[in-house]
Amino acid sequence: MKFYERPHLYKSSQVAMILGVSKKTLDRMIADGRIPKPVRDGNNNWRIWTHQDVQELQEVLTK
């Protein structure tokens, strides 16, 4: 099973959609240090976000 088929893991594009921002904005927030860098998938080098990561980002962005 590939990581993106698991319901508790998200790709950056999915996280951006959940947060209501563009993927480019999400990338910029990582580069600026406003949000922590997620882990990367060893096979594809994709950023992998957990459900916990998304919840924490939602809390940070609503403050």
Protein backbone atom coordinates (compact mmCIF):
# COMPACT_ATOMS: atom_id res chain seq x y z
CA MET A 1 0.00 0.00 0.00
CA LYS A 2 1.37 3.38 -0.97
CA PHE A 3 1.52 6.10 1.66
CA TYR A 4 -1.06 8.31 -0.02
CA GLU A 5 -3.56 5.45 0.10
CA ARG A 6 -3.40 5.53 3.89
CA PRO A 7 -6.08 7.78 5.38
CA HIS A 8 -3.82 9.19 8.12
CA LEU A 9 -1.09 10.49 5.79
CA TYR A 10 -1.34 13.46 3.45
CA LYS A 11 0.63 14.99 0.59
CA SER A 12 1.37 18.72 0.61
CA SER A 13 -1.32 19.44 -1.96
CA GLN A 14 -3.91 17.77 0.29
CA VAL A 15 -2.70 19.70 3.35
CA ALA A 16 -2.84 22.97 1.43
CA MET A 17 -6.43 22.24 0.39
CA ILE A 18 -7.42 21.37 3.98
CA LEU A 19 -5.85 24.60 5.26
CA GLY A 20 -7.36 26.71 2.50
CA VAL A 21 -4.04 27.91 1.09
CA SER A 22 -2.17 27.19 -2.10
CA LYS A 23 0.65 24.64 -2.18
CA LYS A 24 3.00 27.51 -3.03
CA THR A 25 1.92 29.33 0.15
CA LEU A 26 2.46 26.17 2.17
CA ASP A 27 5.96 25.81 0.69
CA ARG A 28 6.68 29.46 1.50
CA MET A 29 5.56 29.02 5.11
CA ILE A 30 7.97 26.09 5.44
CA ALA A 31 10.82 28.04 3.86
CA ASP A 32 10.15 31.06 6.12
CA GLY A 33 10.16 28.83 9.19
CA ARG A 34 6.57 29.69 10.10
CA ILE A 35 5.70 26.00 10.17
CA PRO A 36 7.94 22.99 10.76
CA LYS A 37 9.23 20.89 7.90
CA PRO A 38 7.42 17.59 7.53
CA VAL A 39 9.23 14.29 7.06
CA ARG A 40 9.94 13.14 3.53
CA ASP A 41 9.03 9.86 1.90
CA GLY A 42 12.22 7.92 1.23
CA ASN A 43 11.05 6.52 -2.09
CA ASN A 44 9.68 9.61 -3.80
CA ASN A 45 11.04 12.42 -1.61
CA TRP A 46 7.48 13.70 -1.13
CA ARG A 47 6.62 15.63 1.99
CA ILE A 48 4.47 13.47 4.24
CA TRP A 49 2.06 15.02 6.72
CA THR A 50 0.31 13.11 9.48
CA HIS A 51 -3.17 13.84 10.78
CA GLN A 52 -1.51 15.25 13.92
CA ASP A 53 0.63 17.60 11.77
CA VAL A 54 -2.47 18.92 10.02
CA GLN A 55 -4.30 19.51 13.31
CA GLU A 56 -1.31 21.41 14.72
CA LEU A 57 -1.05 23.53 11.56
CA GLN A 58 -4.74 24.38 11.79
CA GLU A 59 -4.25 25.53 15.36
CA VAL A 60 -1.19 27.64 14.47
CA LEU A 61 -2.89 29.28 11.50
CA THR A 62 -6.06 30.17 13.42
CA LYS A 63 -4.14 32.07 16.13
